[in-house]
Amino acid sequence: FLRMRRPPRSTQSRSSAASDVYKRQILRAFQSAYFEKRIFAIDQLIQKTKAAEYNDEKIKHEKQMAGQNNFEQVQPQNWLTSENYVQWINDNKIMDHIFGESSHTELIKRCSPLLKFLYKNKACLLYTSD
């Protein structure tokens, strides 16, 4: 039988590792030639925006409860926040995948919640057309 190995304690937490897996799945889906996988990627991006916004509110609430001096203790580094999600979107050129040469009108239609999220967070949308 197969035995599941636990990662050493010095590695990322489970939630952080799981988040990295989801991010890699999203990137692979965008690079796929199959339209359904690219739709899946958009849907996953939108779900992640909701998670980031939820975490932002949770951090804000806990910061208020803990006081200004203890903020560093409130926000674990591996939480998905709007700020680090926007950074990930830019670092991985997600806008190129959505609006690039393999773009499709249905992808663009479905990404409106993502675009609203980016606008709300005053994100600089990086799109490089060649």
C-alpha atoms as a PDB file:
ATOM      1  CA  PHE A   1       0.000   0.000   0.000  1.00  0.00           C
ATOM      2  CA  LEU A   2       1.013   3.613  -0.474  1.00  0.00           C
ATOM      3  CA  ARG A   3       1.929   5.627   2.524  1.00  0.00           C
ATOM      4  CA  MET A   4       1.221   9.342   2.569  1.00  0.00           C
ATOM      5  CA  ARG A   5       4.245  11.373   3.602  1.00  0.00           C
ATOM      6  CA  ARG A   6       3.841  14.513   5.613  1.00  0.00           C
ATOM      7  CA  PRO A   7       6.025  17.416   4.570  1.00  0.00           C
ATOM      8  CA  PRO A   8       8.714  18.448   7.026  1.00  0.00           C
ATOM      9  CA  ARG A   9       7.625  21.146   9.459  1.00  0.00           C
ATOM     10  CA  SER A  10      10.057  23.605   7.907  1.00  0.00           C
ATOM     11  CA  THR A  11       8.114  23.659   4.620  1.00  0.00           C
ATOM     12  CA  GLN A  12       5.011  25.633   3.759  1.00  0.00           C
ATOM     13  CA  SER A  13       1.778  25.103   5.595  1.00  0.00           C
ATOM     14  CA  ARG A  14      -0.826  22.859   4.011  1.00  0.00           C
ATOM     15  CA  SER A  15      -3.003  25.797   2.981  1.00  0.00           C
ATOM     16  CA  SER A  16      -0.069  27.576   1.364  1.00  0.00           C
ATOM     17  CA  ALA A  17       1.013  24.443  -0.487  1.00  0.00           C
ATOM     18  CA  ALA A  18      -2.561  23.826  -1.638  1.00  0.00           C
ATOM     19  CA  SER A  19      -2.793  27.404  -2.871  1.00  0.00           C
ATOM     20  CA  ASP A  20       0.398  26.918  -4.894  1.00  0.00           C
ATOM     21  CA  VAL A  21      -1.092  23.788  -6.473  1.00  0.00           C
ATOM     22  CA  TYR A  22      -4.241  25.688  -7.461  1.00  0.00           C
ATOM     23  CA  LYS A  23      -2.181  28.498  -8.947  1.00  0.00           C
ATOM     24  CA  ARG A  24      -0.162  26.035 -11.050  1.00  0.00           C
ATOM     25  CA  GLN A  25      -3.415  24.404 -12.225  1.00  0.00           C
ATOM     26  CA  ILE A  26      -4.749  27.786 -13.282  1.00  0.00           C
ATOM     27  CA  LEU A  27      -1.598  28.549 -15.271  1.00  0.00           C
ATOM     28  CA  ARG A  28      -1.638  25.144 -16.991  1.00  0.00           C
ATOM     29  CA  ALA A  29      -5.317  25.545 -17.834  1.00  0.00           C
ATOM     30  CA  PHE A  30      -4.662  28.936 -19.459  1.00  0.00           C
ATOM     31  CA  GLN A  31      -1.890  27.407 -21.561  1.00  0.00           C
ATOM     32  CA  SER A  32      -4.133  24.581 -22.739  1.00  0.00           C
ATOM     33  CA  ALA A  33      -5.429  24.412 -26.289  1.00  0.00           C
ATOM     34  CA  TYR A  34      -8.788  23.241 -24.897  1.00  0.00           C
ATOM     35  CA  PHE A  35     -11.326  26.009 -24.502  1.00  0.00           C
ATOM     36  CA  GLU A  36     -13.038  24.288 -21.537  1.00  0.00           C
ATOM     37  CA  LYS A  37      -9.806  24.322 -19.554  1.00  0.00           C
ATOM     38  CA  ARG A  38      -9.341  28.018 -20.214  1.00  0.00           C
ATOM     39  CA  ILE A  39     -12.916  28.651 -19.012  1.00  0.00           C
ATOM     40  CA  PHE A  40     -12.049  26.619 -15.907  1.00  0.00           C
ATOM     41  CA  ALA A  41      -9.044  28.908 -15.348  1.00  0.00           C
ATOM     42  CA  ILE A  42     -11.227  32.035 -15.471  1.00  0.00           C
ATOM     43  CA  ASP A  43     -13.697  30.485 -13.024  1.00  0.00           C
ATOM     44  CA  GLN A  44     -10.862  29.582 -10.653  1.00  0.00           C
ATOM     45  CA  LEU A  45      -9.424  33.094 -10.855  1.00  0.00           C
ATOM     46  CA  ILE A  46     -12.787  34.546  -9.908  1.00  0.00           C
ATOM     47  CA  GLN A  47     -13.103  32.175  -6.950  1.00  0.00           C
ATOM     48  CA  LYS A  48      -9.653  33.248  -5.774  1.00  0.00           C
ATOM     49  CA  THR A  49     -10.661  36.918  -5.944  1.00  0.00           C
ATOM     50  CA  LYS A  50     -13.506  36.161  -3.545  1.00  0.00           C
ATOM     51  CA  ALA A  51     -11.122  34.340  -1.204  1.00  0.00           C
ATOM     52  CA  ALA A  52      -8.661  37.251  -1.299  1.00  0.00           C
ATOM     53  CA  GLU A  53     -11.406  39.767  -0.525  1.00  0.00           C
ATOM     54  CA  TYR A  54     -12.653  37.595   2.332  1.00  0.00           C
ATOM     55  CA  ASN A  55      -9.135  37.375   3.774  1.00  0.00           C
ATOM     56  CA  ASP A  56      -8.716  41.153   3.453  1.00  0.00           C
ATOM     57  CA  GLU A  57     -11.863  41.674   5.515  1.00  0.00           C
ATOM     58  CA  LYS A  58     -10.782  39.071   8.059  1.00  0.00           C
ATOM     59  CA  ILE A  59      -7.387  40.737   8.454  1.00  0.00           C
ATOM     60  CA  LYS A  60      -9.031  44.148   8.775  1.00  0.00           C
ATOM     61  CA  HIS A  61     -11.393  42.872  11.464  1.00  0.00           C
ATOM     62  CA  GLU A  62      -8.670  41.063  13.404  1.00  0.00           C
ATOM     63  CA  LYS A  63      -6.430  44.096  13.144  1.00  0.00           C
ATOM     64  CA  GLN A  64      -9.152  46.216  14.718  1.00  0.00           C
ATOM     65  CA  MET A  65      -9.678  43.639  17.452  1.00  0.00           C
ATOM     66  CA  ALA A  66      -5.959  43.231  18.213  1.00  0.00           C
ATOM     67  CA  GLY A  67      -4.999  46.871  17.959  1.00  0.00           C
ATOM     68  CA  GLN A  68      -2.425  48.517  15.738  1.00  0.00           C
ATOM     69  CA  ASN A  69       0.617  47.218  17.641  1.00  0.00           C
ATOM     70  CA  ASN A  70      -0.101  43.523  17.090  1.00  0.00           C
ATOM     71  CA  PHE A  71      -0.883  43.617  13.366  1.00  0.00           C
ATOM     72  CA  GLU A  72       2.157  41.538  12.395  1.00  0.00           C
ATOM     73  CA  GLN A  73       0.808  38.710  14.539  1.00  0.00           C
ATOM     74  CA  VAL A  74      -2.598  38.877  12.837  1.00  0.00           C
ATOM     75  CA  GLN A  75      -1.556  38.342   9.218  1.00  0.00           C
ATOM     76  CA  PRO A  76       0.172  35.061   8.420  1.00  0.00           C
ATOM     77  CA  GLN A  77       2.466  35.388   5.410  1.00  0.00           C
ATOM     78  CA  ASN A  78       0.734  32.628   3.473  1.00  0.00           C
ATOM     79  CA  TRP A  79      -2.725  34.214   3.445  1.00  0.00           C
ATOM     80  CA  LEU A  80      -4.078  35.058   0.024  1.00  0.00           C
ATOM     81  CA  THR A  81      -4.738  38.792   0.122  1.00  0.00           C
ATOM     82  CA  SER A  82      -5.827  41.117  -2.643  1.00  0.00           C
ATOM     83  CA  GLU A  83      -2.395  42.690  -2.728  1.00  0.00           C
ATOM     84  CA  ASN A  84      -0.438  39.480  -3.204  1.00  0.00           C
ATOM     85  CA  TYR A  85      -3.068  38.057  -5.576  1.00  0.00           C
ATOM     86  CA  VAL A  86      -2.822  41.116  -7.831  1.00  0.00           C
ATOM     87  CA  GLN A  87       0.955  40.699  -7.747  1.00  0.00           C
ATOM     88  CA  TRP A  88       0.619  37.031  -8.740  1.00  0.00           C
ATOM     89  CA  ILE A  89      -1.724  37.978 -11.615  1.00  0.00           C
ATOM     90  CA  ASN A  90       0.833  40.476 -12.920  1.00  0.00           C
ATOM     91  CA  ASP A  91       3.854  38.227 -12.351  1.00  0.00           C
ATOM     92  CA  ASN A  92       2.229  35.403 -14.331  1.00  0.00           C
ATOM     93  CA  LYS A  93       0.940  37.657 -17.116  1.00  0.00           C
ATOM     94  CA  ILE A  94      -2.641  36.495 -16.683  1.00  0.00           C
ATOM     95  CA  MET A  95      -3.899  39.416 -18.772  1.00  0.00           C
ATOM     96  CA  ASP A  96      -1.803  38.112 -21.679  1.00  0.00           C
ATOM     97  CA  HIS A  97      -3.598  34.779 -21.377  1.00  0.00           C
ATOM     98  CA  ILE A  98      -7.008  36.445 -21.339  1.00  0.00           C
ATOM     99  CA  PHE A  99      -6.491  39.127 -23.989  1.00  0.00           C
ATOM    100  CA  GLY A 100      -3.587  37.657 -25.970  1.00  0.00           C
ATOM    101  CA  GLU A 101      -3.477  35.904 -29.318  1.00  0.00           C
ATOM    102  CA  SER A 102      -5.453  32.889 -28.071  1.00  0.00           C
ATOM    103  CA  SER A 103      -8.195  35.086 -26.620  1.00  0.00           C
ATOM    104  CA  HIS A 104     -11.849  34.224 -27.038  1.00  0.00           C
ATOM    105  CA  THR A 105     -14.935  36.397 -26.581  1.00  0.00           C
ATOM    106  CA  GLU A 106     -16.371  34.009 -23.989  1.00  0.00           C
ATOM    107  CA  LEU A 107     -13.194  34.294 -21.896  1.00  0.00           C
ATOM    108  CA  ILE A 108     -13.441  38.065 -21.978  1.00  0.00           C
ATOM    109  CA  LYS A 109     -17.142  38.007 -21.082  1.00  0.00           C
ATOM    110  CA  ARG A 110     -16.518  35.770 -18.093  1.00  0.00           C
ATOM    111  CA  CYS A 111     -13.605  37.751 -16.718  1.00  0.00           C
ATOM    112  CA  SER A 112     -15.624  40.852 -15.773  1.00  0.00           C
ATOM    113  CA  PRO A 113     -15.608  39.984 -12.004  1.00  0.00           C
ATOM    114  CA  LEU A 114     -11.825  39.639 -12.233  1.00  0.00           C
ATOM    115  CA  LEU A 115     -11.493  42.990 -13.982  1.00  0.00           C
ATOM    116  CA  LYS A 116     -13.725  44.617 -11.350  1.00  0.00           C
ATOM    117  CA  PHE A 117     -11.537  43.118  -8.619  1.00  0.00           C
ATOM    118  CA  LEU A 118      -8.406  44.495 -10.268  1.00  0.00           C
ATOM    119  CA  TYR A 119      -9.992  47.920 -10.730  1.00  0.00           C
ATOM    120  CA  LYS A 120     -11.186  47.973  -7.120  1.00  0.00           C
ATOM    121  CA  ASN A 121      -7.637  47.227  -5.990  1.00  0.00           C
ATOM    122  CA  LYS A 122      -6.195  49.923  -8.248  1.00  0.00           C
ATOM    123  CA  ALA A 123      -4.135  47.308 -10.010  1.00  0.00           C
ATOM    124  CA  CYS A 124      -1.919  48.210 -12.898  1.00  0.00           C
ATOM    125  CA  LEU A 125      -2.986  45.743 -15.556  1.00  0.00           C
ATOM    126  CA  LEU A 126       0.056  44.485 -17.336  1.00  0.00           C
ATOM    127  CA  TYR A 127      -0.700  43.367 -20.856  1.00  0.00           C
ATOM    128  CA  THR A 128       2.077  43.019 -23.357  1.00  0.00           C
ATOM    129  CA  SER A 129       0.952  42.619 -26.935  1.00  0.00           C
ATOM    130  CA  ASP A 130       3.701  41.526 -29.253  1.00  0.00           C
END
